[in-house]
Structure formats: C-alpha cells, structure tokens
Amino acid sequence: MLISTMNDIPGYQITEVLGEVFGLTVRSRNIGSQLGAAFKSIAGGELRGMTKNLVVSRNEVMERMSETAAAKGADAVVAMRFDTSEMGPNWTEICAYGTAVKTRKL
C-alpha cells in the first residue's frame, strides 16, 4: 500500500478515488508513566515512554487505515494525515486518515 501525505504520487496516475479511509485507536496512560512524566517535566527532556507509545499508536492506526483502504480495493492512500485529541484526563485518540485511491504506474 502506497501512502503519501501529498495529494498525488510522483510516477503514478490516480485512476479512481474510492473515498475517505481512517484508522483509529484510543490509548490511556498508566499511572506509572504519568508520574514519570510529571517528574521528568520538572527537569526537562524527552518522555521516552510516551514517545514510544505514540510511535506504536501511529503505526497501529496507519495499519488499520491501510487495511480499510485495501478492503475498498485501493492500492494507495493520498493526503494522509494524523490527528490526535484528548478524550479526558488520561485518554488520547490517535487517528490516521486519507483518501483511498487506485493508481497506475506511469
């Protein structure tokens, strides 16, 4: 599955637009990571546990988006974006979305 943040894919022609697709997950932070983050924020620096969780979550939602696109018959997703939002004090929604398309190599 080709995934592009651009509206097109160099070297390919979009032959059919199949519609919007997305992948979604909602994650909660455990109390240990919250306490660690609170202490780390005093001294400054990267919150490695939270960074790792975000990388895992983004990969998960991209895979879900790709599966949805493939189920529609797509071979690519264009205009892919990520969105995150807080859904309470400890929950974060992570979403990958874009437009499923069929392409032809030029």
PDB file of N, CA and C in Angstrom:
ATOM      1  N   MET A   1       0.855  -1.181   0.000  1.00  0.00           N
ATOM      2  CA  MET A   1       0.000   0.000   0.000  1.00  0.00           C
ATOM      3  C   MET A   1       0.892   1.232   0.000  1.00  0.00           C
ATOM      4  N   LEU A   2       0.769   2.050  -1.037  1.00  0.00           N
ATOM      5  CA  LEU A   2       1.480   3.322  -1.065  1.00  0.00           C
ATOM      6  C   LEU A   2       0.720   4.317  -0.206  1.00  0.00           C
ATOM      7  N   ILE A   3       1.432   5.035   0.634  1.00  0.00           N
ATOM      8  CA  ILE A   3       0.814   6.057   1.469  1.00  0.00           C
ATOM      9  C   ILE A   3       1.594   7.348   1.266  1.00  0.00           C
ATOM     10  N   SER A   4       0.876   8.410   0.919  1.00  0.00           N
ATOM     11  CA  SER A   4       1.505   9.694   0.645  1.00  0.00           C
ATOM     12  C   SER A   4       0.800  10.804   1.410  1.00  0.00           C
ATOM     13  N   THR A   5       1.583  11.719   1.952  1.00  0.00           N
ATOM     14  CA  THR A   5       0.983  12.905   2.563  1.00  0.00           C
ATOM     15  C   THR A   5       0.669  13.960   1.507  1.00  0.00           C
ATOM     16  N   MET A   6       1.139  13.727   0.295  1.00  0.00           N
ATOM     17  CA  MET A   6       0.840  14.638  -0.818  1.00  0.00           C
ATOM     18  C   MET A   6      -0.511  14.271  -1.423  1.00  0.00           C
ATOM     19  N   ASN A   7      -1.008  15.131  -2.305  1.00  0.00           N
ATOM     20  CA  ASN A   7      -2.281  14.860  -2.965  1.00  0.00           C
ATOM     21  C   ASN A   7      -2.123  13.987  -4.200  1.00  0.00           C
ATOM     22  N   ASP A   8      -0.893  13.674  -4.538  1.00  0.00           N
ATOM     23  CA  ASP A   8      -0.617  12.785  -5.664  1.00  0.00           C
ATOM     24  C   ASP A   8       0.617  11.960  -5.307  1.00  0.00           C
ATOM     25  N   ILE A   9       0.975  11.040  -6.204  1.00  0.00           N
ATOM     26  CA  ILE A   9       2.151  10.201  -6.008  1.00  0.00           C
ATOM     27  C   ILE A   9       2.992  10.314  -7.272  1.00  0.00           C
ATOM     28  N   PRO A  10       4.165  10.917  -7.168  1.00  0.00           N
ATOM     29  CA  PRO A  10       5.006  11.056  -8.358  1.00  0.00           C
ATOM     30  C   PRO A  10       5.251   9.698  -9.029  1.00  0.00           C
ATOM     31  N   GLY A  11       5.095   9.668 -10.343  1.00  0.00           N
ATOM     32  CA  GLY A  11       5.290   8.437 -11.097  1.00  0.00           C
ATOM     33  C   GLY A  11       4.043   7.577 -11.208  1.00  0.00           C
ATOM     34  N   TYR A  12       2.930   8.047 -10.623  1.00  0.00           N
ATOM     35  CA  TYR A  12       1.670   7.307 -10.666  1.00  0.00           C
ATOM     36  C   TYR A  12       0.545   8.242 -11.074  1.00  0.00           C
ATOM     37  N   GLN A  13      -0.439   7.679 -11.736  1.00  0.00           N
ATOM     38  CA  GLN A  13      -1.657   8.410 -12.067  1.00  0.00           C
ATOM     39  C   GLN A  13      -2.790   7.851 -11.223  1.00  0.00           C
ATOM     40  N   ILE A  14      -3.556   8.711 -10.609  1.00  0.00           N
ATOM     41  CA  ILE A  14      -4.735   8.265  -9.864  1.00  0.00           C
ATOM     42  C   ILE A  14      -5.832   7.984 -10.877  1.00  0.00           C
ATOM     43  N   THR A  15      -6.310   6.744 -10.884  1.00  0.00           N
ATOM     44  CA  THR A  15      -7.320   6.342 -11.857  1.00  0.00           C
ATOM     45  C   THR A  15      -8.724   6.301 -11.273  1.00  0.00           C
ATOM     46  N   GLU A  16      -8.805   6.192  -9.939  1.00  0.00           N
ATOM     47  CA  GLU A  16     -10.120   6.137  -9.303  1.00  0.00           C
ATOM     48  C   GLU A  16      -9.990   6.564  -7.848  1.00  0.00           C
ATOM     49  N   VAL A  17     -10.926   7.383  -7.395  1.00  0.00           N
ATOM     50  CA  VAL A  17     -10.986   7.801  -5.994  1.00  0.00           C
ATOM     51  C   VAL A  17     -12.057   6.958  -5.310  1.00  0.00           C
ATOM     52  N   LEU A  18     -11.672   6.285  -4.243  1.00  0.00           N
ATOM     53  CA  LEU A  18     -12.581   5.357  -3.565  1.00  0.00           C
ATOM     54  C   LEU A  18     -13.162   5.910  -2.266  1.00  0.00           C
ATOM     55  N   GLY A  19     -12.670   7.050  -1.833  1.00  0.00           N
ATOM     56  CA  GLY A  19     -13.246   7.699  -0.655  1.00  0.00           C
ATOM     57  C   GLY A  19     -12.311   7.744   0.538  1.00  0.00           C
ATOM     58  N   GLU A  20     -12.805   8.402   1.576  1.00  0.00           N
ATOM     59  CA  GLU A  20     -12.019   8.598   2.798  1.00  0.00           C
ATOM     60  C   GLU A  20     -11.871   7.281   3.553  1.00  0.00           C
ATOM     61  N   VAL A  21     -10.690   7.102   4.119  1.00  0.00           N
ATOM     62  CA  VAL A  21     -10.425   5.953   4.983  1.00  0.00           C
ATOM     63  C   VAL A  21      -9.709   6.453   6.235  1.00  0.00           C
ATOM     64  N   PHE A  22      -9.860   5.712   7.318  1.00  0.00           N
ATOM     65  CA  PHE A  22      -9.155   6.094   8.533  1.00  0.00           C
ATOM     66  C   PHE A  22      -8.855   4.876   9.380  1.00  0.00           C
ATOM     67  N   GLY A  23      -7.920   5.046  10.279  1.00  0.00           N
ATOM     68  CA  GLY A  23      -7.607   4.069  11.307  1.00  0.00           C
ATOM     69  C   GLY A  23      -7.599   4.814  12.624  1.00  0.00           C
ATOM     70  N   LEU A  24      -8.089   4.191  13.674  1.00  0.00           N
ATOM     71  CA  LEU A  24      -8.307   4.892  14.933  1.00  0.00           C
ATOM     72  C   LEU A  24      -7.916   4.016  16.108  1.00  0.00           C
ATOM     73  N   THR A  25      -7.363   4.637  17.138  1.00  0.00           N
ATOM     74  CA  THR A  25      -7.160   3.959  18.411  1.00  0.00           C
ATOM     75  C   THR A  25      -7.326   4.981  19.521  1.00  0.00           C
ATOM     76  N   VAL A  26      -7.712   4.517  20.683  1.00  0.00           N
ATOM     77  CA  VAL A  26      -7.774   5.359  21.880  1.00  0.00           C
ATOM     78  C   VAL A  26      -6.862   4.716  22.905  1.00  0.00           C
ATOM     79  N   ARG A  27      -5.933   5.492  23.405  1.00  0.00           N
ATOM     80  CA  ARG A  27      -4.938   4.987  24.356  1.00  0.00           C
ATOM     81  C   ARG A  27      -5.113   5.679  25.698  1.00  0.00           C
ATOM     82  N   SER A  28      -4.834   4.930  26.746  1.00  0.00           N
ATOM     83  CA  SER A  28      -4.798   5.526  28.081  1.00  0.00           C
ATOM     84  C   SER A  28      -3.367   5.456  28.592  1.00  0.00           C
ATOM     85  N   ARG A  29      -3.011   6.429  29.387  1.00  0.00           N
ATOM     86  CA  ARG A  29      -1.685   6.437  30.005  1.00  0.00           C
ATOM     87  C   ARG A  29      -1.811   5.782  31.369  1.00  0.00           C
ATOM     88  N   ASN A  30      -0.841   4.914  31.688  1.00  0.00           N
ATOM     89  CA  ASN A  30      -0.896   4.288  33.005  1.00  0.00           C
ATOM     90  C   ASN A  30      -0.330   5.234  34.052  1.00  0.00           C
ATOM     91  N   ILE A  31      -0.640   4.970  35.298  1.00  0.00           N
ATOM     92  CA  ILE A  31      -0.247   5.860  36.386  1.00  0.00           C
ATOM     93  C   ILE A  31       1.276   5.975  36.492  1.00  0.00           C
ATOM     94  N   GLY A  32       1.987   4.897  36.197  1.00  0.00           N
ATOM     95  CA  GLY A  32       3.450   4.936  36.255  1.00  0.00           C
ATOM     96  C   GLY A  32       4.036   5.910  35.261  1.00  0.00           C
ATOM     97  N   SER A  33       3.529   5.878  34.030  1.00  0.00           N
ATOM     98  CA  SER A  33       4.061   6.796  33.015  1.00  0.00           C
ATOM     99  C   SER A  33       3.662   8.227  33.327  1.00  0.00           C
ATOM    100  N   GLN A  34       2.487   8.420  33.927  1.00  0.00           N
ATOM    101  CA  GLN A  34       2.069   9.776  34.288  1.00  0.00           C
ATOM    102  C   GLN A  34       2.972  10.353  35.374  1.00  0.00           C
ATOM    103  N   LEU A  35       3.285   9.539  36.377  1.00  0.00           N
ATOM    104  CA  LEU A  35       4.172  10.006  37.439  1.00  0.00           C
ATOM    105  C   LEU A  35       5.567  10.279  36.901  1.00  0.00           C
ATOM    106  N   GLY A  36       6.058   9.361  36.059  1.00  0.00           N
ATOM    107  CA  GLY A  36       7.370   9.548  35.452  1.00  0.00           C
ATOM    108  C   GLY A  36       7.416  10.818  34.612  1.00  0.00           C
ATOM    109  N   ALA A  37       6.357  11.073  33.866  1.00  0.00           N
ATOM    110  CA  ALA A  37       6.288  12.267  33.037  1.00  0.00           C
ATOM    111  C   ALA A  37       6.252  13.526  33.906  1.00  0.00           C
ATOM    112  N   ALA A  38       5.534  13.458  35.013  1.00  0.00           N
ATOM    113  CA  ALA A  38       5.460  14.614  35.909  1.00  0.00           C
ATOM    114  C   ALA A  38       6.834  14.955  36.466  1.00  0.00           C
ATOM    115  N   PHE A  39       7.565  13.939  36.906  1.00  0.00           N
ATOM    116  CA  PHE A  39       8.917  14.176  37.434  1.00  0.00           C
ATOM    117  C   PHE A  39       9.855  14.649  36.328  1.00  0.00           C
ATOM    118  N   LYS A  40       9.753  14.058  35.148  1.00  0.00           N
ATOM    119  CA  LYS A  40      10.620  14.418  34.030  1.00  0.00           C
ATOM    120  C   LYS A  40      10.359  15.854  33.585  1.00  0.00           C
ATOM    121  N   SER A  41       9.113  16.301  33.672  1.00  0.00           N
ATOM    122  CA  SER A  41       8.799  17.654  33.228  1.00  0.00           C
ATOM    123  C   SER A  41       9.450  18.708  34.115  1.00  0.00           C
ATOM    124  N   ILE A  42       9.765  18.351  35.339  1.00  0.00           N
ATOM    125  CA  ILE A  42      10.457  19.283  36.230  1.00  0.00           C
ATOM    126  C   ILE A  42      11.886  19.519  35.731  1.00  0.00           C
ATOM    127  N   ALA A  43      12.570  18.439  35.357  1.00  0.00           N
ATOM    128  CA  ALA A  43      13.967  18.530  34.921  1.00  0.00           C
ATOM    129  C   ALA A  43      14.081  18.818  33.427  1.00  0.00           C
ATOM    130  N   GLY A  44      13.061  18.498  32.670  1.00  0.00           N
ATOM    131  CA  GLY A  44      13.091  18.675  31.223  1.00  0.00           C
ATOM    132  C   GLY A  44      13.634  17.439  30.538  1.00  0.00           C
ATOM    133  N   GLY A  45      13.405  17.335  29.259  1.00  0.00           N
ATOM    134  CA  GLY A  45      13.896  16.206  28.489  1.00  0.00           C
ATOM    135  C   GLY A  45      12.774  15.409  27.869  1.00  0.00           C
ATOM    136  N   GLU A  46      13.177  14.438  27.074  1.00  0.00           N
ATOM    137  CA  GLU A  46      12.213  13.618  26.347  1.00  0.00           C
ATOM    138  C   GLU A  46      11.511  12.635  27.277  1.00  0.00           C
ATOM    139  N   LEU A  47      10.232  12.460  27.058  1.00  0.00           N
ATOM    140  CA  LEU A  47       9.438  11.466  27.774  1.00  0.00           C
ATOM    141  C   LEU A  47       9.440  10.199  26.925  1.00  0.00           C
ATOM    142  N   ARG A  48      10.474   9.390  27.072  1.00  0.00           N
ATOM    143  CA  ARG A  48      10.700   8.262  26.160  1.00  0.00           C
ATOM    144  C   ARG A  48       9.560   7.254  26.156  1.00  0.00           C
ATOM    145  N   GLY A  49       8.985   6.968  27.301  1.00  0.00           N
ATOM    146  CA  GLY A  49       7.863   6.033  27.344  1.00  0.00           C
ATOM    147  C   GLY A  49       6.679   6.529  26.545  1.00  0.00           C
ATOM    148  N   MET A  50       6.395   7.798  26.662  1.00  0.00           N
ATOM    149  CA  MET A  50       5.270   8.373  25.913  1.00  0.00           C
ATOM    150  C   MET A  50       5.601   8.478  24.428  1.00  0.00           C
ATOM    151  N   THR A  51       6.860   8.774  24.104  1.00  0.00           N
ATOM    152  CA  THR A  51       7.275   8.815  22.705  1.00  0.00           C
ATOM    153  C   THR A  51       7.108   7.437  22.074  1.00  0.00           C
ATOM    154  N   LYS A  52       7.551   6.399  22.771  1.00  0.00           N
ATOM    155  CA  LYS A  52       7.417   5.033  22.262  1.00  0.00           C
ATOM    156  C   LYS A  52       5.948   4.677  22.062  1.00  0.00           C
ATOM    157  N   ASN A  53       5.106   5.031  23.013  1.00  0.00           N
ATOM    158  CA  ASN A  53       3.673   4.744  22.912  1.00  0.00           C
ATOM    159  C   ASN A  53       3.065   5.442  21.703  1.00  0.00           C
ATOM    160  N   LEU A  54       3.481   6.682  21.439  1.00  0.00           N
ATOM    161  CA  LEU A  54       2.938   7.409  20.286  1.00  0.00           C
ATOM    162  C   LEU A  54       3.390   6.781  18.976  1.00  0.00           C
ATOM    163  N   VAL A  55       4.645   6.342  18.890  1.00  0.00           N
ATOM    164  CA  VAL A  55       5.137   5.679  17.673  1.00  0.00           C
ATOM    165  C   VAL A  55       4.347   4.396  17.423  1.00  0.00           C
ATOM    166  N   VAL A  56       4.161   3.598  18.461  1.00  0.00           N
ATOM    167  CA  VAL A  56       3.397   2.347  18.336  1.00  0.00           C
ATOM    168  C   VAL A  56       1.963   2.657  17.896  1.00  0.00           C
ATOM    169  N   SER A  57       1.367   3.671  18.493  1.00  0.00           N
ATOM    170  CA  SER A  57      -0.015   4.036  18.168  1.00  0.00           C
ATOM    171  C   SER A  57      -0.142   4.519  16.729  1.00  0.00           C
ATOM    172  N   ARG A  58       0.800   5.344  16.281  1.00  0.00           N
ATOM    173  CA  ARG A  58       0.737   5.839  14.894  1.00  0.00           C
ATOM    174  C   ARG A  58       0.902   4.700  13.896  1.00  0.00           C
ATOM    175  N   ASN A  59       1.810   3.771  14.176  1.00  0.00           N
ATOM    176  CA  ASN A  59       1.964   2.614  13.286  1.00  0.00           C
ATOM    177  C   ASN A  59       0.692   1.775  13.260  1.00  0.00           C
ATOM    178  N   GLU A  60       0.060   1.626  14.413  1.00  0.00           N
ATOM    179  CA  GLU A  60      -1.181   0.846  14.502  1.00  0.00           C
ATOM    180  C   GLU A  60      -2.297   1.487  13.678  1.00  0.00           C
ATOM    181  N   VAL A  61      -2.475   2.796  13.797  1.00  0.00           N
ATOM    182  CA  VAL A  61      -3.573   3.434  13.063  1.00  0.00           C
ATOM    183  C   VAL A  61      -3.297   3.479  11.560  1.00  0.00           C
ATOM    184  N   MET A  62      -2.015   3.582  11.178  1.00  0.00           N
ATOM    185  CA  MET A  62      -1.695   3.523   9.742  1.00  0.00           C
ATOM    186  C   MET A  62      -2.009   2.144   9.178  1.00  0.00           C
ATOM    187  N   GLU A  63      -1.711   1.095   9.946  1.00  0.00           N
ATOM    188  CA  GLU A  63      -2.028  -0.262   9.502  1.00  0.00           C
ATOM    189  C   GLU A  63      -3.546  -0.442   9.369  1.00  0.00           C
ATOM    190  N   ARG A  64      -4.292   0.058  10.318  1.00  0.00           N
ATOM    191  CA  ARG A  64      -5.761  -0.041  10.249  1.00  0.00           C
ATOM    192  C   ARG A  64      -6.311   0.734   9.056  1.00  0.00           C
ATOM    193  N   MET A  65      -5.753   1.920   8.799  1.00  0.00           N
ATOM    194  CA  MET A  65      -6.171   2.703   7.646  1.00  0.00           C
ATOM    195  C   MET A  65      -5.865   1.954   6.353  1.00  0.00           C
ATOM    196  N   SER A  66      -4.677   1.360   6.262  1.00  0.00           N
ATOM    197  CA  SER A  66      -4.281   0.600   5.071  1.00  0.00           C
ATOM    198  C   SER A  66      -5.204  -0.588   4.839  1.00  0.00           C
ATOM    199  N   GLU A  67      -5.566  -1.281   5.908  1.00  0.00           N
ATOM    200  CA  GLU A  67      -6.478  -2.426   5.790  1.00  0.00           C
ATOM    201  C   GLU A  67      -7.842  -1.984   5.270  1.00  0.00           C
ATOM    202  N   THR A  68      -8.321  -0.852   5.754  1.00  0.00           N
ATOM    203  CA  THR A  68      -9.610  -0.333   5.293  1.00  0.00           C
ATOM    204  C   THR A  68      -9.535   0.054   3.818  1.00  0.00           C
ATOM    205  N   ALA A  69      -8.428   0.687   3.433  1.00  0.00           N
ATOM    206  CA  ALA A  69      -8.249   1.073   2.028  1.00  0.00           C
ATOM    207  C   ALA A  69      -8.185  -0.165   1.136  1.00  0.00           C
ATOM    208  N   ALA A  70      -7.443  -1.186   1.551  1.00  0.00           N
ATOM    209  CA  ALA A  70      -7.335  -2.421   0.766  1.00  0.00           C
ATOM    210  C   ALA A  70      -8.697  -3.089   0.623  1.00  0.00           C
ATOM    211  N   ALA A  71      -9.504  -3.050   1.681  1.00  0.00           N
ATOM    212  CA  ALA A  71     -10.842  -3.645   1.623  1.00  0.00           C
ATOM    213  C   ALA A  71     -11.731  -2.932   0.597  1.00  0.00           C
ATOM    214  N   LYS A  72     -11.444  -1.667   0.324  1.00  0.00           N
ATOM    215  CA  LYS A  72     -12.188  -0.913  -0.697  1.00  0.00           C
ATOM    216  C   LYS A  72     -11.620  -1.133  -2.088  1.00  0.00           C
ATOM    217  N   GLY A  73     -10.496  -1.858  -2.179  1.00  0.00           N
ATOM    218  CA  GLY A  73      -9.875  -2.114  -3.470  1.00  0.00           C
ATOM    219  C   GLY A  73      -8.778  -1.130  -3.830  1.00  0.00           C
ATOM    220  N   ALA A  74      -8.345  -0.322  -2.883  1.00  0.00           N
ATOM    221  CA  ALA A  74      -7.323   0.693  -3.149  1.00  0.00           C
ATOM    222  C   ALA A  74      -5.933   0.072  -3.158  1.00  0.00           C
ATOM    223  N   ASP A  75      -5.025   0.736  -3.860  1.00  0.00           N
ATOM    224  CA  ASP A  75      -3.616   0.347  -3.791  1.00  0.00           C
ATOM    225  C   ASP A  75      -2.773   1.494  -3.249  1.00  0.00           C
ATOM    226  N   ALA A  76      -3.438   2.608  -2.877  1.00  0.00           N
ATOM    227  CA  ALA A  76      -2.722   3.750  -2.314  1.00  0.00           C
ATOM    228  C   ALA A  76      -3.668   4.609  -1.482  1.00  0.00           C
ATOM    229  N   VAL A  77      -3.067   5.394  -0.609  1.00  0.00           N
ATOM    230  CA  VAL A  77      -3.790   6.409   0.164  1.00  0.00           C
ATOM    231  C   VAL A  77      -3.041   7.719  -0.029  1.00  0.00           C
ATOM    232  N   VAL A  78      -3.757   8.757  -0.444  1.00  0.00           N
ATOM    233  CA  VAL A  78      -3.148  10.073  -0.623  1.00  0.00           C
ATOM    234  C   VAL A  78      -3.714  11.042   0.420  1.00  0.00           C
ATOM    235  N   ALA A  79      -3.005  12.146   0.596  1.00  0.00           N
ATOM    236  CA  ALA A  79      -3.400  13.199   1.543  1.00  0.00           C
ATOM    237  C   ALA A  79      -3.532  12.652   2.960  1.00  0.00           C
ATOM    238  N   MET A  80      -2.650  11.711   3.319  1.00  0.00           N
ATOM    239  CA  MET A  80      -2.694  11.099   4.654  1.00  0.00           C
ATOM    240  C   MET A  80      -2.289  12.107   5.709  1.00  0.00           C
ATOM    241  N   ARG A  81      -3.009  12.099   6.813  1.00  0.00           N
ATOM    242  CA  ARG A  81      -2.731  12.975   7.942  1.00  0.00           C
ATOM    243  C   ARG A  81      -2.921  12.201   9.241  1.00  0.00           C
ATOM    244  N   PHE A  82      -2.312  12.717  10.303  1.00  0.00           N
ATOM    245  CA  PHE A  82      -2.561  12.222  11.648  1.00  0.00           C
ATOM    246  C   PHE A  82      -3.351  13.280  12.401  1.00  0.00           C
ATOM    247  N   ASP A  83      -4.177  12.830  13.324  1.00  0.00           N
ATOM    248  CA  ASP A  83      -4.889  13.736  14.211  1.00  0.00           C
ATOM    249  C   ASP A  83      -4.877  13.112  15.598  1.00  0.00           C
ATOM    250  N   THR A  84      -4.705  13.919  16.600  1.00  0.00           N
ATOM    251  CA  THR A  84      -4.792  13.436  17.979  1.00  0.00           C
ATOM    252  C   THR A  84      -5.688  14.382  18.751  1.00  0.00           C
ATOM    253  N   SER A  85      -6.358  13.836  19.743  1.00  0.00           N
ATOM    254  CA  SER A  85      -7.166  14.680  20.623  1.00  0.00           C
ATOM    255  C   SER A  85      -7.271  14.003  21.979  1.00  0.00           C
ATOM    256  N   GLU A  86      -7.412  14.815  22.987  1.00  0.00           N
ATOM    257  CA  GLU A  86      -7.584  14.314  24.345  1.00  0.00           C
ATOM    258  C   GLU A  86      -9.055  13.992  24.554  1.00  0.00           C
ATOM    259  N   MET A  87      -9.304  12.837  25.151  1.00  0.00           N
ATOM    260  CA  MET A  87     -10.684  12.415  25.408  1.00  0.00           C
ATOM    261  C   MET A  87     -10.907  12.245  26.903  1.00  0.00           C
ATOM    262  N   GLY A  88     -10.370  13.129  27.672  1.00  0.00           N
ATOM    263  CA  GLY A  88     -10.439  13.038  29.117  1.00  0.00           C
ATOM    264  C   GLY A  88      -9.036  13.211  29.673  1.00  0.00           C
ATOM    265  N   PRO A  89      -8.904  13.123  30.974  1.00  0.00           N
ATOM    266  CA  PRO A  89      -7.605  13.394  31.586  1.00  0.00           C
ATOM    267  C   PRO A  89      -6.519  12.373  31.233  1.00  0.00           C
ATOM    268  N   ASN A  90      -6.893  11.159  30.881  1.00  0.00           N
ATOM    269  CA  ASN A  90      -5.896  10.109  30.651  1.00  0.00           C
ATOM    270  C   ASN A  90      -6.047   9.389  29.317  1.00  0.00           C
ATOM    271  N   TRP A  91      -6.948   9.817  28.463  1.00  0.00           N
ATOM    272  CA  TRP A  91      -7.193   9.120  27.206  1.00  0.00           C
ATOM    273  C   TRP A  91      -6.824  10.014  26.038  1.00  0.00           C
ATOM    274  N   THR A  92      -6.175   9.419  25.051  1.00  0.00           N
ATOM    275  CA  THR A  92      -5.806  10.138  23.832  1.00  0.00           C
ATOM    276  C   THR A  92      -6.281   9.347  22.626  1.00  0.00           C
ATOM    277  N   GLU A  93      -6.951  10.029  21.720  1.00  0.00           N
ATOM    278  CA  GLU A  93      -7.376   9.427  20.466  1.00  0.00           C
ATOM    279  C   GLU A  93      -6.301   9.737  19.427  1.00  0.00           C
ATOM    280  N   ILE A  94      -5.887   8.716  18.678  1.00  0.00           N
ATOM    281  CA  ILE A  94      -4.946   8.898  17.580  1.00  0.00           C
ATOM    282  C   ILE A  94      -5.619   8.369  16.326  1.00  0.00           C
ATOM    283  N   CYS A  95      -5.597   9.176  15.265  1.00  0.00           N
ATOM    284  CA  CYS A  95      -6.270   8.809  14.022  1.00  0.00           C
ATOM    285  C   CYS A  95      -5.346   9.091  12.837  1.00  0.00           C
ATOM    286  N   ALA A  96      -5.304   8.164  11.898  1.00  0.00           N
ATOM    287  CA  ALA A  96      -4.660   8.390  10.599  1.00  0.00           C
ATOM    288  C   ALA A  96      -5.788   8.367   9.573  1.00  0.00           C
ATOM    289  N   TYR A  97      -5.790   9.341   8.672  1.00  0.00           N
ATOM    290  CA  TYR A  97      -6.852   9.377   7.667  1.00  0.00           C
ATOM    291  C   TYR A  97      -6.316   9.897   6.348  1.00  0.00           C
ATOM    292  N   GLY A  98      -7.019   9.557   5.292  1.00  0.00           N
ATOM    293  CA  GLY A  98      -6.633   9.990   3.963  1.00  0.00           C
ATOM    294  C   GLY A  98      -7.674   9.552   2.953  1.00  0.00           C
ATOM    295  N   THR A  99      -7.310   9.635   1.679  1.00  0.00           N
ATOM    296  CA  THR A  99      -8.213   9.262   0.593  1.00  0.00           C
ATOM    297  C   THR A  99      -7.692   8.008  -0.096  1.00  0.00           C
ATOM    298  N   ALA A 100      -8.510   6.971  -0.121  1.00  0.00           N
ATOM    299  CA  ALA A 100      -8.156   5.723  -0.792  1.00  0.00           C
ATOM    300  C   ALA A 100      -8.322   5.897  -2.287  1.00  0.00           C
ATOM    301  N   VAL A 101      -7.313   5.458  -3.033  1.00  0.00           N
ATOM    302  CA  VAL A 101      -7.324   5.594  -4.491  1.00  0.00           C
ATOM    303  C   VAL A 101      -6.776   4.353  -5.162  1.00  0.00           C
ATOM    304  N   LYS A 102      -7.121   4.210  -6.439  1.00  0.00           N
ATOM    305  CA  LYS A 102      -6.467   3.237  -7.315  1.00  0.00           C
ATOM    306  C   LYS A 102      -5.503   4.015  -8.194  1.00  0.00           C
ATOM    307  N   THR A 103      -4.354   3.426  -8.452  1.00  0.00           N
ATOM    308  CA  THR A 103      -3.334   4.125  -9.238  1.00  0.00           C
ATOM    309  C   THR A 103      -2.841   3.251 -10.380  1.00  0.00           C
ATOM    310  N   ARG A 104      -2.135   3.932 -11.294  1.00  0.00           N
ATOM    311  CA  ARG A 104      -1.460   3.243 -12.391  1.00  0.00           C
ATOM    312  C   ARG A 104      -0.073   3.856 -12.516  1.00  0.00           C
ATOM    313  N   LYS A 105       0.940   2.993 -12.577  1.00  0.00           N
ATOM    314  CA  LYS A 105       2.317   3.471 -12.722  1.00  0.00           C
ATOM    315  C   LYS A 105       2.501   4.058 -14.108  1.00  0.00           C
ATOM    316  N   LEU A 106       3.124   5.231 -14.160  1.00  0.00           N
ATOM    317  CA  LEU A 106       3.373   5.903 -15.445  1.00  0.00           C
ATOM    318  C   LEU A 106       4.594   5.363 -16.132  1.00  0.00           C
TER     319      LEU A 106
END
